[in-house]
Protein backbone atom coordinates (compact mmCIF):
# COMPACT_ATOMS: atom_id res chain seq x y z
CA MET A 1 -15.88 15.49 -55.04
CA GLY A 2 -13.19 17.50 -53.24
CA LEU A 3 -13.29 18.44 -49.58
CA LEU A 4 -14.07 22.08 -50.37
CA THR A 5 -16.97 21.05 -52.63
CA ARG A 6 -18.37 18.70 -49.97
CA VAL A 7 -18.20 21.41 -47.32
CA ALA A 8 -19.89 23.89 -49.67
CA VAL A 9 -22.69 21.42 -50.50
CA GLY A 10 -23.17 20.63 -46.81
CA ALA A 11 -23.30 24.33 -45.94
CA ALA A 12 -25.82 25.02 -48.72
CA VAL A 13 -28.05 22.17 -47.58
CA THR A 14 -27.85 23.38 -43.98
CA ALA A 15 -28.61 26.96 -45.02
CA LEU A 16 -31.72 25.77 -46.88
CA GLY A 17 -32.91 23.88 -43.80
CA VAL A 18 -32.86 20.54 -45.59
CA THR A 19 -31.83 17.48 -43.63
CA MET A 20 -30.09 14.71 -45.52
CA SER A 21 -30.30 11.27 -44.00
CA ALA A 22 -30.22 7.72 -45.25
CA VAL A 23 -33.57 6.06 -45.75
CA PRO A 24 -33.61 2.82 -43.77
CA ALA A 25 -34.28 -0.32 -45.76
CA ALA A 26 -37.67 -1.88 -45.15
CA ALA A 27 -37.53 -4.96 -42.98
CA SER A 28 -38.48 -8.12 -44.80
CA SER A 29 -41.80 -9.57 -43.71
CA LEU A 30 -41.22 -12.86 -45.56
CA THR A 31 -40.33 -15.90 -43.45
CA VAL A 32 -39.94 -19.57 -44.28
CA SER A 33 -39.55 -22.75 -42.26
CA GLY A 34 -39.05 -26.32 -43.39
CA TYR A 35 -39.07 -29.92 -42.28
CA CYS A 36 -37.51 -33.07 -43.78
CA GLU A 37 -37.90 -36.71 -42.86
CA ALA A 38 -36.14 -39.78 -44.22
CA ASP A 39 -37.66 -43.26 -44.22
CA PHE A 40 -36.10 -46.33 -42.66
CA GLY A 41 -35.14 -48.94 -45.21
CA PHE A 42 -32.66 -51.44 -46.54
CA GLY A 43 -29.68 -50.82 -48.81
CA ALA A 44 -27.39 -47.82 -49.11
CA THR A 45 -29.96 -45.06 -49.69
CA ARG A 46 -33.20 -43.86 -48.13
CA ASP A 47 -36.07 -41.82 -49.54
CA PHE A 48 -36.73 -38.46 -47.92
CA GLU A 49 -39.48 -35.87 -48.15
CA CYS A 50 -39.35 -32.18 -47.30
CA SER A 51 -42.03 -29.56 -46.89
CA ALA A 52 -41.83 -25.81 -46.39
CA SER A 53 -44.20 -23.14 -45.16
CA ALA A 54 -43.87 -19.47 -46.02
CA SER A 55 -45.65 -16.48 -44.53
CA GLY A 56 -45.57 -12.74 -45.01
CA GLY A 57 -44.39 -11.09 -48.17
CA THR A 58 -46.77 -9.99 -50.88
CA GLY A 59 -48.02 -11.96 -53.81
CA SER A 60 -47.46 -15.61 -54.59
CA TYR A 61 -44.54 -17.70 -53.35
CA SER A 62 -41.83 -19.28 -55.48
CA TYR A 63 -39.88 -22.13 -53.81
CA SER A 64 -36.41 -23.45 -54.57
CA TRP A 65 -34.74 -26.46 -52.88
CA ARG A 66 -31.09 -27.47 -52.88
CA SER A 67 -28.86 -29.75 -50.86
CA LEU A 68 -25.98 -28.25 -48.90
CA THR A 69 -24.43 -31.68 -48.29
CA PRO A 70 -23.39 -34.20 -50.95
CA ASN A 71 -25.32 -37.01 -49.24
CA ALA A 72 -28.81 -35.76 -50.14
CA VAL A 73 -30.06 -35.55 -53.72
CA PHE A 74 -33.34 -33.96 -54.78
CA LEU A 75 -35.27 -35.84 -57.45
CA LEU A 76 -38.31 -33.58 -57.41
CA SER A 77 -38.91 -30.16 -55.93
CA GLN A 78 -42.34 -28.81 -56.72
CA GLY A 79 -43.32 -25.70 -54.81
CA PRO A 80 -43.32 -26.23 -51.05
CA LEU A 81 -42.61 -29.97 -51.41
CA GLY A 82 -39.38 -31.73 -52.30
CA ASP A 83 -38.20 -35.30 -52.23
CA GLY A 84 -35.15 -37.33 -53.06
CA TYR A 85 -32.76 -39.84 -51.58
CA CYS A 86 -29.97 -39.72 -49.04
CA TRP A 87 -27.18 -42.07 -48.01
CA ALA A 88 -27.91 -44.13 -44.90
CA TYR A 89 -26.19 -43.13 -41.65
CA THR A 90 -25.63 -39.50 -42.76
CA ASP A 91 -26.62 -36.13 -41.39
CA ASN A 92 -27.87 -33.77 -44.08
CA VAL A 93 -28.66 -30.11 -44.62
CA VAL A 94 -30.93 -28.77 -47.35
CA ARG A 95 -31.90 -25.16 -48.04
CA VAL A 96 -35.31 -23.94 -49.08
CA THR A 97 -35.47 -20.43 -50.54
CA VAL A 98 -38.75 -18.59 -51.02
CA THR A 99 -39.28 -15.49 -53.14
CA SER A 100 -42.35 -13.27 -53.01
CA SER A 101 -42.52 -9.99 -54.97
CA GLY A 102 -38.79 -9.32 -54.75
CA GLU A 103 -38.37 -10.42 -51.12
CA THR A 104 -36.33 -13.55 -50.41
CA ALA A 105 -36.10 -15.73 -47.31
CA SER A 106 -34.20 -18.98 -46.75
CA ALA A 107 -34.16 -21.73 -44.15
CA ASP A 108 -31.61 -24.49 -43.65
CA VAL A 109 -33.23 -27.78 -42.68
CA ARG A 110 -31.23 -30.52 -40.96
CA PHE A 111 -32.24 -34.17 -40.93
CA HIS A 112 -30.71 -37.59 -40.38
CA CYS A 113 -30.83 -40.37 -42.93
CA PRO A 114 -31.41 -43.43 -40.75
CA SER A 115 -30.00 -46.93 -40.78
CA SER A 116 -32.07 -50.01 -41.55
CA ARG A 117 -35.31 -50.76 -39.76
CA HIS A 118 -34.89 -52.76 -36.55
């Protein structure tokens, strides 16, 4: 659209008393938080369990878990619960993503994979 055309359209809209403005996007009401804990143990790896809690949004929740560090591996992620194993002595980050009727929210959860039991 050329400058002259844009000016003409703007003048026509103004002459008709119409106001053009952007419609603000609706703020997401969906939130999620999570928690992970690794067990003490022996050997190179430890079992861990994670849980998430979602609120807001509309409709049912769909959960997805993934590790953001190579030291944590999910074996099972079923809804708000996930578990797997991590390498001892490592700090880990996993992400839980929740979807509800087109809205999406994510939370990064940090946890430590401990050494052996003392």
